[in-house]
Amino acid sequence: MKNVTITVEDATLEWVRIEAARRNTSVSRLVGEMLTDKMQFDDAYARAQREWVADTSSFSSGGVPYPAREAVRG
């Protein structure tokens, strides 16, 4: 593991200290876990988006013209 130095607002630091104490962990470990969670969420979102874009079946009308907007609003 690597050490980093970060700069945060006073209110943010106060919140993270309280949150770390509430979870019975250190500020360093809490921030590290939050960053890991964010990274995993972003990776999963990006992966799902790539899979959705690659799935061209949802964009196919099967050769049939799409209905006009007025016909769909009903």
PDB file of N, CA and C in Angstrom:
ATOM      1  N   MET A   1       0.829  -1.182   0.000  1.00  0.00           N
ATOM      2  CA  MET A   1       0.000   0.000   0.000  1.00  0.00           C
ATOM      3  C   MET A   1       0.872   1.243   0.000  1.00  0.00           C
ATOM      4  N   LYS A   2       0.319   2.287  -0.559  1.00  0.00           N
ATOM      5  CA  LYS A   2       1.009   3.569  -0.631  1.00  0.00           C
ATOM      6  C   LYS A   2       0.317   4.584   0.271  1.00  0.00           C
ATOM      7  N   ASN A   3       1.067   5.529   0.769  1.00  0.00           N
ATOM      8  CA  ASN A   3       0.524   6.641   1.542  1.00  0.00           C
ATOM      9  C   ASN A   3       0.310   7.824   0.624  1.00  0.00           C
ATOM     10  N   VAL A   4      -0.755   8.581   0.874  1.00  0.00           N
ATOM     11  CA  VAL A   4      -1.023   9.801   0.125  1.00  0.00           C
ATOM     12  C   VAL A   4      -1.395  10.901   1.112  1.00  0.00           C
ATOM     13  N   THR A   5      -1.211  12.122   0.687  1.00  0.00           N
ATOM     14  CA  THR A   5      -1.636  13.281   1.461  1.00  0.00           C
ATOM     15  C   THR A   5      -2.758  13.946   0.700  1.00  0.00           C
ATOM     16  N   ILE A   6      -3.857  14.247   1.380  1.00  0.00           N
ATOM     17  CA  ILE A   6      -4.983  14.905   0.723  1.00  0.00           C
ATOM     18  C   ILE A   6      -5.319  16.193   1.466  1.00  0.00           C
ATOM     19  N   THR A   7      -5.959  17.087   0.755  1.00  0.00           N
ATOM     20  CA  THR A   7      -6.421  18.341   1.338  1.00  0.00           C
ATOM     21  C   THR A   7      -7.934  18.343   1.290  1.00  0.00           C
ATOM     22  N   VAL A   8      -8.572  18.567   2.432  1.00  0.00           N
ATOM     23  CA  VAL A   8     -10.029  18.591   2.508  1.00  0.00           C
ATOM     24  C   VAL A   8     -10.482  19.785   3.339  1.00  0.00           C
ATOM     25  N   GLU A   9     -11.712  20.151   3.154  1.00  0.00           N
ATOM     26  CA  GLU A   9     -12.310  21.220   3.948  1.00  0.00           C
ATOM     27  C   GLU A   9     -12.404  20.763   5.406  1.00  0.00           C
ATOM     28  N   ASP A  10     -12.400  21.712   6.319  1.00  0.00           N
ATOM     29  CA  ASP A  10     -12.489  21.392   7.748  1.00  0.00           C
ATOM     30  C   ASP A  10     -13.742  20.579   8.069  1.00  0.00           C
ATOM     31  N   ALA A  11     -14.862  20.966   7.496  1.00  0.00           N
ATOM     32  CA  ALA A  11     -16.119  20.255   7.769  1.00  0.00           C
ATOM     33  C   ALA A  11     -16.049  18.819   7.263  1.00  0.00           C
ATOM     34  N   THR A  12     -15.395  18.608   6.144  1.00  0.00           N
ATOM     35  CA  THR A  12     -15.243  17.254   5.601  1.00  0.00           C
ATOM     36  C   THR A  12     -14.381  16.411   6.523  1.00  0.00           C
ATOM     37  N   LEU A  13     -13.300  16.986   6.991  1.00  0.00           N
ATOM     38  CA  LEU A  13     -12.415  16.259   7.901  1.00  0.00           C
ATOM     39  C   LEU A  13     -13.138  15.908   9.196  1.00  0.00           C
ATOM     40  N   GLU A  14     -13.923  16.832   9.711  1.00  0.00           N
ATOM     41  CA  GLU A  14     -14.685  16.552  10.926  1.00  0.00           C
ATOM     42  C   GLU A  14     -15.658  15.393  10.691  1.00  0.00           C
ATOM     43  N   TRP A  15     -16.358  15.422   9.538  1.00  0.00           N
ATOM     44  CA  TRP A  15     -17.304  14.355   9.225  1.00  0.00           C
ATOM     45  C   TRP A  15     -16.601  13.003   9.108  1.00  0.00           C
ATOM     46  N   VAL A  16     -15.475  12.964   8.399  1.00  0.00           N
ATOM     47  CA  VAL A  16     -14.809  11.681   8.184  1.00  0.00           C
ATOM     48  C   VAL A  16     -14.234  11.138   9.492  1.00  0.00           C
ATOM     49  N   ARG A  17     -13.796  11.998  10.362  1.00  0.00           N
ATOM     50  CA  ARG A  17     -13.307  11.531  11.672  1.00  0.00           C
ATOM     51  C   ARG A  17     -14.446  10.910  12.487  1.00  0.00           C
ATOM     52  N   ILE A  18     -15.591  11.582  12.487  1.00  0.00           N
ATOM     53  CA  ILE A  18     -16.752  11.060  13.212  1.00  0.00           C
ATOM     54  C   ILE A  18     -17.217   9.746  12.587  1.00  0.00           C
ATOM     55  N   GLU A  19     -17.276   9.703  11.274  1.00  0.00           N
ATOM     56  CA  GLU A  19     -17.719   8.490  10.574  1.00  0.00           C
ATOM     57  C   GLU A  19     -16.768   7.330  10.826  1.00  0.00           C
ATOM     58  N   ALA A  20     -15.481   7.597  10.794  1.00  0.00           N
ATOM     59  CA  ALA A  20     -14.498   6.545  11.069  1.00  0.00           C
ATOM     60  C   ALA A  20     -14.663   6.024  12.500  1.00  0.00           C
ATOM     61  N   ALA A  21     -14.855   6.916  13.454  1.00  0.00           N
ATOM     62  CA  ALA A  21     -15.051   6.498  14.836  1.00  0.00           C
ATOM     63  C   ALA A  21     -16.332   5.681  14.976  1.00  0.00           C
ATOM     64  N   ARG A  22     -17.378   6.122  14.291  1.00  0.00           N
ATOM     65  CA  ARG A  22     -18.650   5.394  14.338  1.00  0.00           C
ATOM     66  C   ARG A  22     -18.488   3.971  13.812  1.00  0.00           C
ATOM     67  N   ARG A  23     -17.643   3.813  12.795  1.00  0.00           N
ATOM     68  CA  ARG A  23     -17.410   2.494  12.194  1.00  0.00           C
ATOM     69  C   ARG A  23     -16.256   1.744  12.847  1.00  0.00           C
ATOM     70  N   ASN A  24     -15.693   2.350  13.881  1.00  0.00           N
ATOM     71  CA  ASN A  24     -14.584   1.737  14.609  1.00  0.00           C
ATOM     72  C   ASN A  24     -13.402   1.414  13.683  1.00  0.00           C
ATOM     73  N   THR A  25     -13.021   2.400  12.880  1.00  0.00           N
ATOM     74  CA  THR A  25     -11.894   2.238  11.969  1.00  0.00           C
ATOM     75  C   THR A  25     -11.113   3.542  11.917  1.00  0.00           C
ATOM     76  N   SER A  26     -10.042   3.564  11.184  1.00  0.00           N
ATOM     77  CA  SER A  26      -9.243   4.788  11.053  1.00  0.00           C
ATOM     78  C   SER A  26      -9.743   5.618   9.874  1.00  0.00           C
ATOM     79  N   VAL A  27      -9.401   6.894   9.903  1.00  0.00           N
ATOM     80  CA  VAL A  27      -9.737   7.771   8.783  1.00  0.00           C
ATOM     81  C   VAL A  27      -9.079   7.246   7.511  1.00  0.00           C
ATOM     82  N   SER A  28      -7.844   6.833   7.615  1.00  0.00           N
ATOM     83  CA  SER A  28      -7.123   6.325   6.458  1.00  0.00           C
ATOM     84  C   SER A  28      -7.826   5.115   5.847  1.00  0.00           C
ATOM     85  N   ARG A  29      -8.203   4.159   6.690  1.00  0.00           N
ATOM     86  CA  ARG A  29      -8.875   2.955   6.186  1.00  0.00           C
ATOM     87  C   ARG A  29     -10.238   3.293   5.599  1.00  0.00           C
ATOM     88  N   LEU A  30     -10.982   4.184   6.244  1.00  0.00           N
ATOM     89  CA  LEU A  30     -12.301   4.570   5.749  1.00  0.00           C
ATOM     90  C   LEU A  30     -12.199   5.235   4.382  1.00  0.00           C
ATOM     91  N   VAL A  31     -11.283   6.175   4.241  1.00  0.00           N
ATOM     92  CA  VAL A  31     -11.110   6.857   2.954  1.00  0.00           C
ATOM     93  C   VAL A  31     -10.673   5.854   1.883  1.00  0.00           C
ATOM     94  N   GLY A  32      -9.768   4.962   2.238  1.00  0.00           N
ATOM     95  CA  GLY A  32      -9.329   3.937   1.289  1.00  0.00           C
ATOM     96  C   GLY A  32     -10.470   3.046   0.839  1.00  0.00           C
ATOM     97  N   GLU A  33     -11.332   2.632   1.785  1.00  0.00           N
ATOM     98  CA  GLU A  33     -12.482   1.797   1.444  1.00  0.00           C
ATOM     99  C   GLU A  33     -13.471   2.554   0.566  1.00  0.00           C
ATOM    100  N   MET A  34     -13.672   3.847   0.868  1.00  0.00           N
ATOM    101  CA  MET A  34     -14.582   4.654   0.049  1.00  0.00           C
ATOM    102  C   MET A  34     -14.068   4.780  -1.381  1.00  0.00           C
ATOM    103  N   LEU A  35     -12.773   4.986  -1.513  1.00  0.00           N
ATOM    104  CA  LEU A  35     -12.191   5.087  -2.859  1.00  0.00           C
ATOM    105  C   LEU A  35     -12.295   3.762  -3.608  1.00  0.00           C
ATOM    106  N   THR A  36     -12.074   2.661  -2.907  1.00  0.00           N
ATOM    107  CA  THR A  36     -12.199   1.341  -3.534  1.00  0.00           C
ATOM    108  C   THR A  36     -13.637   1.106  -3.975  1.00  0.00           C
ATOM    109  N   ASP A  37     -14.599   1.434  -3.122  1.00  0.00           N
ATOM    110  CA  ASP A  37     -16.014   1.288  -3.486  1.00  0.00           C
ATOM    111  C   ASP A  37     -16.358   2.117  -4.712  1.00  0.00           C
ATOM    112  N   LYS A  38     -15.882   3.352  -4.745  1.00  0.00           N
ATOM    113  CA  LYS A  38     -16.137   4.245  -5.889  1.00  0.00           C
ATOM    114  C   LYS A  38     -15.534   3.667  -7.155  1.00  0.00           C
ATOM    115  N   MET A  39     -14.315   3.163  -7.071  1.00  0.00           N
ATOM    116  CA  MET A  39     -13.648   2.584  -8.230  1.00  0.00           C
ATOM    117  C   MET A  39     -14.433   1.374  -8.748  1.00  0.00           C
ATOM    118  N   GLN A  40     -14.864   0.498  -7.853  1.00  0.00           N
ATOM    119  CA  GLN A  40     -15.606  -0.695  -8.263  1.00  0.00           C
ATOM    120  C   GLN A  40     -16.949  -0.329  -8.869  1.00  0.00           C
ATOM    121  N   PHE A  41     -17.633   0.658  -8.301  1.00  0.00           N
ATOM    122  CA  PHE A  41     -18.909   1.102  -8.840  1.00  0.00           C
ATOM    123  C   PHE A  41     -18.720   1.672 -10.239  1.00  0.00           C
ATOM    124  N   ASP A  42     -17.728   2.551 -10.394  1.00  0.00           N
ATOM    125  CA  ASP A  42     -17.480   3.157 -11.697  1.00  0.00           C
ATOM    126  C   ASP A  42     -17.087   2.116 -12.735  1.00  0.00           C
ATOM    127  N   ASP A  43     -16.271   1.147 -12.338  1.00  0.00           N
ATOM    128  CA  ASP A  43     -15.872   0.082 -13.259  1.00  0.00           C
ATOM    129  C   ASP A  43     -17.081  -0.740 -13.687  1.00  0.00           C
ATOM    130  N   ALA A  44     -17.944  -1.082 -12.743  1.00  0.00           N
ATOM    131  CA  ALA A  44     -19.141  -1.873 -13.055  1.00  0.00           C
ATOM    132  C   ALA A  44     -20.079  -1.086 -13.957  1.00  0.00           C
ATOM    133  N   TYR A  45     -20.234   0.214 -13.698  1.00  0.00           N
ATOM    134  CA  TYR A  45     -21.104   1.050 -14.519  1.00  0.00           C
ATOM    135  C   TYR A  45     -20.559   1.143 -15.939  1.00  0.00           C
ATOM    136  N   ALA A  46     -19.266   1.393 -16.066  1.00  0.00           N
ATOM    137  CA  ALA A  46     -18.651   1.500 -17.386  1.00  0.00           C
ATOM    138  C   ALA A  46     -18.772   0.176 -18.141  1.00  0.00           C
ATOM    139  N   ARG A  47     -18.579  -0.934 -17.450  1.00  0.00           N
ATOM    140  CA  ARG A  47     -18.695  -2.252 -18.077  1.00  0.00           C
ATOM    141  C   ARG A  47     -20.129  -2.480 -18.560  1.00  0.00           C
ATOM    142  N   ALA A  48     -21.113  -2.158 -17.733  1.00  0.00           N
ATOM    143  CA  ALA A  48     -22.512  -2.326 -18.120  1.00  0.00           C
ATOM    144  C   ALA A  48     -22.867  -1.433 -19.302  1.00  0.00           C
ATOM    145  N   GLN A  49     -22.332  -0.225 -19.309  1.00  0.00           N
ATOM    146  CA  GLN A  49     -22.601   0.685 -20.424  1.00  0.00           C
ATOM    147  C   GLN A  49     -21.995   0.148 -21.715  1.00  0.00           C
ATOM    148  N   ARG A  50     -20.765  -0.353 -21.649  1.00  0.00           N
ATOM    149  CA  ARG A  50     -20.132  -0.932 -22.849  1.00  0.00           C
ATOM    150  C   ARG A  50     -20.924  -2.126 -23.364  1.00  0.00           C
ATOM    151  N   GLU A  51     -21.397  -2.969 -22.448  1.00  0.00           N
ATOM    152  CA  GLU A  51     -22.189  -4.130 -22.855  1.00  0.00           C
ATOM    153  C   GLU A  51     -23.505  -3.702 -23.498  1.00  0.00           C
ATOM    154  N   TRP A  52     -24.143  -2.676 -22.948  1.00  0.00           N
ATOM    155  CA  TRP A  52     -25.400  -2.200 -23.497  1.00  0.00           C
ATOM    156  C   TRP A  52     -25.197  -1.616 -24.896  1.00  0.00           C
ATOM    157  N   VAL A  53     -24.146  -0.829 -25.054  1.00  0.00           N
ATOM    158  CA  VAL A  53     -23.870  -0.236 -26.360  1.00  0.00           C
ATOM    159  C   VAL A  53     -23.521  -1.320 -27.382  1.00  0.00           C
ATOM    160  N   ALA A  54     -22.817  -2.345 -26.957  1.00  0.00           N
ATOM    161  CA  ALA A  54     -22.420  -3.424 -27.865  1.00  0.00           C
ATOM    162  C   ALA A  54     -23.610  -4.295 -28.256  1.00  0.00           C
ATOM    163  N   ASP A  55     -24.680  -4.290 -27.469  1.00  0.00           N
ATOM    164  CA  ASP A  55     -25.861  -5.112 -27.759  1.00  0.00           C
ATOM    165  C   ASP A  55     -26.732  -4.384 -28.774  1.00  0.00           C
ATOM    166  N   THR A  56     -26.455  -4.600 -30.042  1.00  0.00           N
ATOM    167  CA  THR A  56     -27.181  -3.898 -31.101  1.00  0.00           C
ATOM    168  C   THR A  56     -28.584  -4.442 -31.316  1.00  0.00           C
ATOM    169  N   SER A  57     -28.924  -5.561 -30.697  1.00  0.00           N
ATOM    170  CA  SER A  57     -30.261  -6.119 -30.900  1.00  0.00           C
ATOM    171  C   SER A  57     -31.352  -5.171 -30.416  1.00  0.00           C
ATOM    172  N   SER A  58     -31.060  -4.383 -29.407  1.00  0.00           N
ATOM    173  CA  SER A  58     -32.078  -3.473 -28.887  1.00  0.00           C
ATOM    174  C   SER A  58     -32.311  -2.277 -29.810  1.00  0.00           C
ATOM    175  N   PHE A  59     -31.440  -2.098 -30.800  1.00  0.00           N
ATOM    176  CA  PHE A  59     -31.583  -0.977 -31.725  1.00  0.00           C
ATOM    177  C   PHE A  59     -32.195  -1.405 -33.051  1.00  0.00           C
ATOM    178  N   SER A  60     -32.465  -2.672 -33.208  1.00  0.00           N
ATOM    179  CA  SER A  60     -32.933  -3.178 -34.489  1.00  0.00           C
ATOM    180  C   SER A  60     -34.451  -3.208 -34.540  1.00  0.00           C
ATOM    181  N   SER A  61     -35.010  -2.696 -35.623  1.00  0.00           N
ATOM    182  CA  SER A  61     -36.455  -2.758 -35.826  1.00  0.00           C
ATOM    183  C   SER A  61     -36.819  -3.959 -36.678  1.00  0.00           C
ATOM    184  N   GLY A  62     -35.826  -4.757 -37.055  1.00  0.00           N
ATOM    185  CA  GLY A  62     -36.087  -5.919 -37.893  1.00  0.00           C
ATOM    186  C   GLY A  62     -36.486  -5.524 -39.305  1.00  0.00           C
ATOM    187  N   GLY A  63     -36.071  -4.360 -39.732  1.00  0.00           N
ATOM    188  CA  GLY A  63     -36.390  -3.902 -41.078  1.00  0.00           C
ATOM    189  C   GLY A  63     -37.715  -3.185 -41.200  1.00  0.00           C
ATOM    190  N   VAL A  64     -38.495  -3.159 -40.126  1.00  0.00           N
ATOM    191  CA  VAL A  64     -39.793  -2.486 -40.130  1.00  0.00           C
ATOM    192  C   VAL A  64     -39.575  -1.043 -39.699  1.00  0.00           C
ATOM    193  N   PRO A  65     -40.177  -0.080 -40.416  1.00  0.00           N
ATOM    194  CA  PRO A  65     -40.003   1.320 -40.003  1.00  0.00           C
ATOM    195  C   PRO A  65     -40.565   1.553 -38.601  1.00  0.00           C
ATOM    196  N   TYR A  66     -39.901   2.402 -37.860  1.00  0.00           N
ATOM    197  CA  TYR A  66     -40.388   2.752 -36.539  1.00  0.00           C
ATOM    198  C   TYR A  66     -41.654   3.578 -36.673  1.00  0.00           C
ATOM    199  N   PRO A  67     -42.585   3.458 -35.740  1.00  0.00           N
ATOM    200  CA  PRO A  67     -43.822   4.249 -35.827  1.00  0.00           C
ATOM    201  C   PRO A  67     -43.540   5.735 -35.602  1.00  0.00           C
ATOM    202  N   ALA A  68     -44.377   6.559 -36.129  1.00  0.00           N
ATOM    203  CA  ALA A  68     -44.253   8.002 -35.931  1.00  0.00           C
ATOM    204  C   ALA A  68     -44.544   8.330 -34.471  1.00  0.00           C
ATOM    205  N   ARG A  69     -43.979   9.391 -33.977  1.00  0.00           N
ATOM    206  CA  ARG A  69     -44.163   9.795 -32.584  1.00  0.00           C
ATOM    207  C   ARG A  69     -45.633   9.969 -32.243  1.00  0.00           C
ATOM    208  N   GLU A  70     -46.387  10.573 -33.169  1.00  0.00           N
ATOM    209  CA  GLU A  70     -47.803  10.826 -32.921  1.00  0.00           C
ATOM    210  C   GLU A  70     -48.574   9.517 -32.744  1.00  0.00           C
ATOM    211  N   ALA A  71     -48.166   8.474 -33.444  1.00  0.00           N
ATOM    212  CA  ALA A  71     -48.852   7.185 -33.341  1.00  0.00           C
ATOM    213  C   ALA A  71     -48.566   6.497 -32.013  1.00  0.00           C
ATOM    214  N   VAL A  72     -47.446   6.785 -31.436  1.00  0.00           N
ATOM    215  CA  VAL A  72     -47.051   6.127 -30.196  1.00  0.00           C
ATOM    216  C   VAL A  72     -47.663   6.817 -28.977  1.00  0.00           C
ATOM    217  N   ARG A  73     -47.820   8.120 -29.041  1.00  0.00           N
ATOM    218  CA  ARG A  73     -48.333   8.879 -27.892  1.00  0.00           C
ATOM    219  C   ARG A  73     -49.733   8.472 -27.510  1.00  0.00           C
ATOM    220  N   GLY A  74     -50.530   8.137 -28.450  1.00  0.00           N
ATOM    221  CA  GLY A  74     -51.886   7.647 -28.249  1.00  0.00           C
ATOM    222  C   GLY A  74     -52.677   8.383 -27.318  1.00  0.00           C
TER     223      GLY A  74
END
